[in-house]
Amino acid sequence: MTFINKMDRETRDPIELLDEIEEVLNIQCAPVTWPIGSGKRFKGVYHLREDKVVLYSSEASDGFQVIDGLDNPVLADLLADEIDEFREELELVKGASHDFDQDLYIKG
């Protein structure tokens, strides 16, 4: 399992990082979560398998807010300017990535 940390800092494009992981480590990437923005625009992550969004918020008592469903109207309100761009990026990622196969993962 590969984990990319520090998405809240200015960094390279996540798709570019996936390509590098596949190329350098010679493994097929199957993203489980995907960042919503990066650096100063980082808002949270989307869990592809569970269809849940975790938005980080200083206003929430525990520091984050969980929203069910990428098509949830609450999410569209909270990410008004970013939601269309994020959905397009996510479609690209889903189309270019491999599906996560838990049995293959466990077999290593």
N, C-alpha and C. Protein backbone atom coordinates (compact mmCIF):
# COMPACT_ATOMS: atom_id res chain seq x y z
N MET A 1 0.86 -1.16 0.00
CA MET A 1 0.00 0.00 0.00
C MET A 1 0.90 1.23 0.00
N THR A 2 0.58 2.16 -0.84
CA THR A 2 1.33 3.41 -0.94
C THR A 2 0.46 4.53 -0.41
N PHE A 3 1.04 5.35 0.44
CA PHE A 3 0.30 6.46 1.03
C PHE A 3 1.02 7.75 0.69
N ILE A 4 0.29 8.69 0.14
CA ILE A 4 0.87 9.99 -0.18
C ILE A 4 0.38 10.98 0.85
N ASN A 5 1.28 11.55 1.58
CA ASN A 5 0.96 12.45 2.68
C ASN A 5 1.23 13.90 2.26
N LYS A 6 0.77 14.79 3.07
CA LYS A 6 1.05 16.23 2.94
C LYS A 6 0.35 16.88 1.76
N MET A 7 -0.88 16.44 1.47
CA MET A 7 -1.63 17.06 0.38
C MET A 7 -2.05 18.49 0.74
N ASP A 8 -1.90 18.85 2.00
CA ASP A 8 -2.22 20.21 2.41
C ASP A 8 -1.07 21.17 2.13
N ARG A 9 -0.01 20.66 1.53
CA ARG A 9 1.12 21.51 1.13
C ARG A 9 1.20 21.52 -0.39
N GLU A 10 1.84 22.54 -0.91
CA GLU A 10 1.99 22.63 -2.37
C GLU A 10 2.84 21.44 -2.82
N THR A 11 2.33 20.70 -3.77
CA THR A 11 3.00 19.49 -4.22
C THR A 11 2.70 19.25 -5.69
N ARG A 12 3.22 18.15 -6.20
CA ARG A 12 2.94 17.80 -7.59
C ARG A 12 1.51 17.29 -7.73
N ASP A 13 1.04 17.27 -8.95
CA ASP A 13 -0.29 16.80 -9.26
C ASP A 13 -0.44 15.34 -8.84
N PRO A 14 -1.55 14.98 -8.16
CA PRO A 14 -1.73 13.59 -7.70
C PRO A 14 -1.71 12.57 -8.84
N ILE A 15 -2.23 12.92 -10.00
CA ILE A 15 -2.20 11.98 -11.13
C ILE A 15 -0.76 11.74 -11.57
N GLU A 16 0.03 12.77 -11.56
CA GLU A 16 1.46 12.65 -11.89
C GLU A 16 2.16 11.74 -10.88
N LEU A 17 1.81 11.88 -9.61
CA LEU A 17 2.40 11.03 -8.56
C LEU A 17 2.00 9.57 -8.75
N LEU A 18 0.75 9.32 -9.13
CA LEU A 18 0.32 7.94 -9.41
C LEU A 18 1.13 7.33 -10.55
N ASP A 19 1.32 8.10 -11.61
CA ASP A 19 2.10 7.62 -12.75
C ASP A 19 3.52 7.27 -12.31
N GLU A 20 4.11 8.11 -11.48
CA GLU A 20 5.47 7.85 -11.02
C GLU A 20 5.54 6.60 -10.15
N ILE A 21 4.56 6.40 -9.29
CA ILE A 21 4.53 5.20 -8.44
C ILE A 21 4.46 3.96 -9.31
N GLU A 22 3.59 3.98 -10.32
CA GLU A 22 3.47 2.82 -11.21
C GLU A 22 4.76 2.57 -11.98
N GLU A 23 5.38 3.65 -12.42
CA GLU A 23 6.60 3.53 -13.22
C GLU A 23 7.80 3.09 -12.38
N VAL A 24 8.03 3.75 -11.27
CA VAL A 24 9.22 3.49 -10.46
C VAL A 24 9.10 2.18 -9.67
N LEU A 25 7.95 1.97 -9.04
CA LEU A 25 7.77 0.77 -8.21
C LEU A 25 7.23 -0.42 -8.98
N ASN A 26 6.84 -0.17 -10.22
CA ASN A 26 6.30 -1.22 -11.08
C ASN A 26 5.11 -1.93 -10.43
N ILE A 27 4.17 -1.14 -9.91
CA ILE A 27 2.94 -1.68 -9.34
C ILE A 27 1.74 -0.98 -9.97
N GLN A 28 0.62 -1.66 -9.97
CA GLN A 28 -0.60 -1.07 -10.49
C GLN A 28 -1.30 -0.31 -9.36
N CYS A 29 -1.62 0.93 -9.60
CA CYS A 29 -2.27 1.75 -8.58
C CYS A 29 -3.78 1.61 -8.68
N ALA A 30 -4.40 1.50 -7.52
CA ALA A 30 -5.85 1.44 -7.41
C ALA A 30 -6.22 2.39 -6.27
N PRO A 31 -6.41 3.67 -6.56
CA PRO A 31 -6.70 4.63 -5.50
C PRO A 31 -7.93 4.24 -4.69
N VAL A 32 -7.82 4.38 -3.39
CA VAL A 32 -8.94 4.13 -2.49
C VAL A 32 -9.52 5.47 -2.04
N THR A 33 -8.65 6.43 -1.83
CA THR A 33 -9.09 7.79 -1.51
C THR A 33 -8.44 8.74 -2.51
N TRP A 34 -9.05 9.92 -2.65
CA TRP A 34 -8.51 10.92 -3.58
C TRP A 34 -8.66 12.29 -2.96
N PRO A 35 -7.59 13.11 -3.03
CA PRO A 35 -7.66 14.44 -2.41
C PRO A 35 -8.58 15.39 -3.15
N ILE A 36 -9.22 16.25 -2.38
CA ILE A 36 -10.02 17.32 -2.95
C ILE A 36 -9.16 18.57 -2.85
N GLY A 37 -8.53 18.90 -3.95
CA GLY A 37 -7.59 20.02 -3.98
C GLY A 37 -6.26 19.63 -3.37
N SER A 38 -5.32 20.55 -3.39
CA SER A 38 -4.02 20.34 -2.75
C SER A 38 -3.45 21.68 -2.36
N GLY A 39 -2.48 21.63 -1.50
CA GLY A 39 -1.87 22.87 -1.03
C GLY A 39 -2.89 23.76 -0.34
N LYS A 40 -2.90 25.01 -0.68
CA LYS A 40 -3.82 25.96 -0.07
C LYS A 40 -5.28 25.66 -0.42
N ARG A 41 -5.49 24.93 -1.51
CA ARG A 41 -6.86 24.59 -1.93
C ARG A 41 -7.33 23.24 -1.39
N PHE A 42 -6.53 22.59 -0.55
CA PHE A 42 -6.89 21.27 -0.02
C PHE A 42 -8.10 21.39 0.91
N LYS A 43 -9.14 20.59 0.59
CA LYS A 43 -10.40 20.64 1.35
C LYS A 43 -10.67 19.36 2.12
N GLY A 44 -10.12 18.23 1.65
CA GLY A 44 -10.40 16.94 2.27
C GLY A 44 -10.13 15.81 1.31
N VAL A 45 -10.78 14.67 1.53
CA VAL A 45 -10.58 13.50 0.67
C VAL A 45 -11.92 12.85 0.35
N TYR A 46 -11.91 12.15 -0.78
CA TYR A 46 -13.08 11.36 -1.20
C TYR A 46 -12.69 9.90 -1.13
N HIS A 47 -13.52 9.09 -0.49
CA HIS A 47 -13.30 7.65 -0.40
C HIS A 47 -14.07 6.99 -1.54
N LEU A 48 -13.34 6.50 -2.54
CA LEU A 48 -13.96 5.97 -3.75
C LEU A 48 -14.82 4.75 -3.49
N ARG A 49 -14.39 3.86 -2.65
CA ARG A 49 -15.15 2.62 -2.43
C ARG A 49 -16.39 2.83 -1.57
N GLU A 50 -16.32 3.78 -0.65
CA GLU A 50 -17.45 4.02 0.26
C GLU A 50 -18.34 5.17 -0.18
N ASP A 51 -17.93 5.89 -1.21
CA ASP A 51 -18.67 7.06 -1.70
C ASP A 51 -18.97 8.04 -0.56
N LYS A 52 -17.89 8.39 0.15
CA LYS A 52 -17.99 9.34 1.25
C LYS A 52 -16.93 10.42 1.08
N VAL A 53 -17.28 11.62 1.49
CA VAL A 53 -16.36 12.74 1.44
C VAL A 53 -16.05 13.16 2.87
N VAL A 54 -14.78 13.35 3.16
CA VAL A 54 -14.36 13.87 4.45
C VAL A 54 -13.77 15.25 4.20
N LEU A 55 -14.48 16.27 4.66
CA LEU A 55 -14.00 17.64 4.52
C LEU A 55 -13.41 18.10 5.84
N TYR A 56 -12.26 18.71 5.78
CA TYR A 56 -11.62 19.22 6.98
C TYR A 56 -12.12 20.63 7.24
N SER A 57 -12.49 20.87 8.48
CA SER A 57 -13.09 22.15 8.81
C SER A 57 -12.70 22.58 10.22
N SER A 58 -12.23 23.79 10.34
CA SER A 58 -11.92 24.32 11.67
C SER A 58 -13.20 24.65 12.43
N GLU A 59 -14.31 24.73 11.71
CA GLU A 59 -15.59 25.06 12.33
C GLU A 59 -16.24 23.84 12.98
N ALA A 60 -15.95 22.63 12.49
CA ALA A 60 -16.53 21.41 13.06
C ALA A 60 -15.85 21.09 14.39
N SER A 61 -16.61 20.58 15.34
CA SER A 61 -16.07 20.31 16.68
C SER A 61 -14.93 19.30 16.66
N ASP A 62 -15.00 18.30 15.77
CA ASP A 62 -13.94 17.30 15.70
C ASP A 62 -12.96 17.54 14.55
N GLY A 63 -13.12 18.64 13.85
CA GLY A 63 -12.18 19.02 12.80
C GLY A 63 -12.52 18.54 11.41
N PHE A 64 -13.57 17.73 11.28
CA PHE A 64 -13.94 17.27 9.95
C PHE A 64 -15.44 17.02 9.87
N GLN A 65 -15.91 16.93 8.64
CA GLN A 65 -17.31 16.68 8.35
C GLN A 65 -17.38 15.57 7.31
N VAL A 66 -18.20 14.54 7.57
CA VAL A 66 -18.36 13.44 6.63
C VAL A 66 -19.69 13.61 5.89
N ILE A 67 -19.61 13.52 4.57
CA ILE A 67 -20.78 13.68 3.72
C ILE A 67 -20.93 12.42 2.87
N ASP A 68 -22.11 11.83 2.91
CA ASP A 68 -22.37 10.63 2.10
C ASP A 68 -22.69 11.02 0.67
N GLY A 69 -21.95 10.44 -0.26
CA GLY A 69 -22.26 10.59 -1.68
C GLY A 69 -21.64 11.79 -2.36
N LEU A 70 -21.00 11.51 -3.47
CA LEU A 70 -20.39 12.55 -4.29
C LEU A 70 -21.43 13.47 -4.90
N ASP A 71 -22.64 12.96 -5.09
CA ASP A 71 -23.71 13.75 -5.69
C ASP A 71 -24.61 14.41 -4.65
N ASN A 72 -24.21 14.37 -3.40
CA ASN A 72 -24.99 14.98 -2.32
C ASN A 72 -25.06 16.50 -2.53
N PRO A 73 -26.25 17.09 -2.51
CA PRO A 73 -26.37 18.54 -2.71
C PRO A 73 -25.64 19.36 -1.63
N VAL A 74 -25.49 18.81 -0.44
CA VAL A 74 -24.74 19.51 0.61
C VAL A 74 -23.30 19.71 0.17
N LEU A 75 -22.73 18.69 -0.47
CA LEU A 75 -21.36 18.79 -0.96
C LEU A 75 -21.24 19.85 -2.04
N ALA A 76 -22.21 19.89 -2.92
CA ALA A 76 -22.20 20.91 -3.98
C ALA A 76 -22.23 22.31 -3.39
N ASP A 77 -22.96 22.49 -2.30
CA ASP A 77 -23.01 23.80 -1.64
C ASP A 77 -21.67 24.14 -0.99
N LEU A 78 -21.07 23.15 -0.32
CA LEU A 78 -19.82 23.39 0.40
C LEU A 78 -18.62 23.59 -0.54
N LEU A 79 -18.66 22.94 -1.69
CA LEU A 79 -17.55 23.02 -2.65
C LEU A 79 -17.99 23.69 -3.94
N ALA A 80 -18.81 24.69 -3.81
CA ALA A 80 -19.45 25.34 -4.96
C ALA A 80 -18.51 25.59 -6.14
N ASP A 81 -17.37 26.20 -5.89
CA ASP A 81 -16.46 26.56 -6.97
C ASP A 81 -15.60 25.40 -7.45
N GLU A 82 -15.41 24.39 -6.60
CA GLU A 82 -14.49 23.30 -6.91
C GLU A 82 -15.16 22.00 -7.34
N ILE A 83 -16.46 21.84 -7.10
CA ILE A 83 -17.09 20.53 -7.25
C ILE A 83 -17.05 20.01 -8.69
N ASP A 84 -17.31 20.84 -9.68
CA ASP A 84 -17.31 20.36 -11.07
C ASP A 84 -15.92 19.91 -11.50
N GLU A 85 -14.92 20.70 -11.16
CA GLU A 85 -13.53 20.35 -11.50
C GLU A 85 -13.13 19.05 -10.80
N PHE A 86 -13.53 18.90 -9.53
CA PHE A 86 -13.19 17.69 -8.79
C PHE A 86 -13.86 16.46 -9.40
N ARG A 87 -15.12 16.57 -9.75
CA ARG A 87 -15.84 15.44 -10.36
C ARG A 87 -15.19 15.02 -11.68
N GLU A 88 -14.77 15.99 -12.48
CA GLU A 88 -14.09 15.69 -13.74
C GLU A 88 -12.77 14.98 -13.49
N GLU A 89 -12.01 15.47 -12.52
CA GLU A 89 -10.73 14.85 -12.19
C GLU A 89 -10.95 13.42 -11.70
N LEU A 90 -11.96 13.23 -10.91
CA LEU A 90 -12.26 11.91 -10.37
C LEU A 90 -12.66 10.93 -11.47
N GLU A 91 -13.41 11.38 -12.45
CA GLU A 91 -13.77 10.52 -13.58
C GLU A 91 -12.52 10.11 -14.35
N LEU A 92 -11.60 11.03 -14.53
CA LEU A 92 -10.34 10.73 -15.19
C LEU A 92 -9.55 9.68 -14.40
N VAL A 93 -9.48 9.87 -13.09
CA VAL A 93 -8.75 8.94 -12.23
C VAL A 93 -9.39 7.55 -12.29
N LYS A 94 -10.70 7.49 -12.19
CA LYS A 94 -11.39 6.20 -12.24
C LYS A 94 -11.16 5.50 -13.58
N GLY A 95 -11.18 6.27 -14.65
CA GLY A 95 -10.98 5.70 -15.97
C GLY A 95 -9.56 5.23 -16.23
N ALA A 96 -8.59 5.88 -15.61
CA ALA A 96 -7.18 5.56 -15.87
C ALA A 96 -6.57 4.62 -14.83
N SER A 97 -7.29 4.36 -13.75
CA SER A 97 -6.75 3.54 -12.67
C SER A 97 -7.27 2.12 -12.73
N HIS A 98 -6.62 1.28 -11.98
CA HIS A 98 -7.05 -0.11 -11.85
C HIS A 98 -8.05 -0.20 -10.71
N ASP A 99 -8.95 -1.17 -10.80
CA ASP A 99 -9.88 -1.41 -9.71
C ASP A 99 -9.14 -2.06 -8.55
N PHE A 100 -9.52 -1.70 -7.35
CA PHE A 100 -8.93 -2.31 -6.17
C PHE A 100 -9.46 -3.73 -6.02
N ASP A 101 -8.55 -4.68 -5.91
CA ASP A 101 -8.90 -6.09 -5.73
C ASP A 101 -8.33 -6.54 -4.40
N GLN A 102 -9.19 -6.70 -3.40
CA GLN A 102 -8.73 -7.02 -2.06
C GLN A 102 -8.00 -8.35 -2.01
N ASP A 103 -8.45 -9.34 -2.77
CA ASP A 103 -7.77 -10.63 -2.77
C ASP A 103 -6.35 -10.53 -3.31
N LEU A 104 -6.18 -9.79 -4.40
CA LEU A 104 -4.82 -9.57 -4.94
C LEU A 104 -3.95 -8.81 -3.95
N TYR A 105 -4.55 -7.83 -3.29
CA TYR A 105 -3.80 -7.05 -2.31
C TYR A 105 -3.33 -7.94 -1.16
N ILE A 106 -4.21 -8.77 -0.65
CA ILE A 106 -3.85 -9.66 0.47
C ILE A 106 -2.76 -10.65 0.05
N LYS A 107 -2.82 -11.13 -1.20
CA LYS A 107 -1.81 -12.06 -1.69
C LYS A 107 -0.45 -11.37 -1.87
N GLY A 108 -0.47 -10.03 -1.92
CA GLY A 108 0.78 -9.28 -2.02
C GLY A 108 1.37 -9.37 -3.38
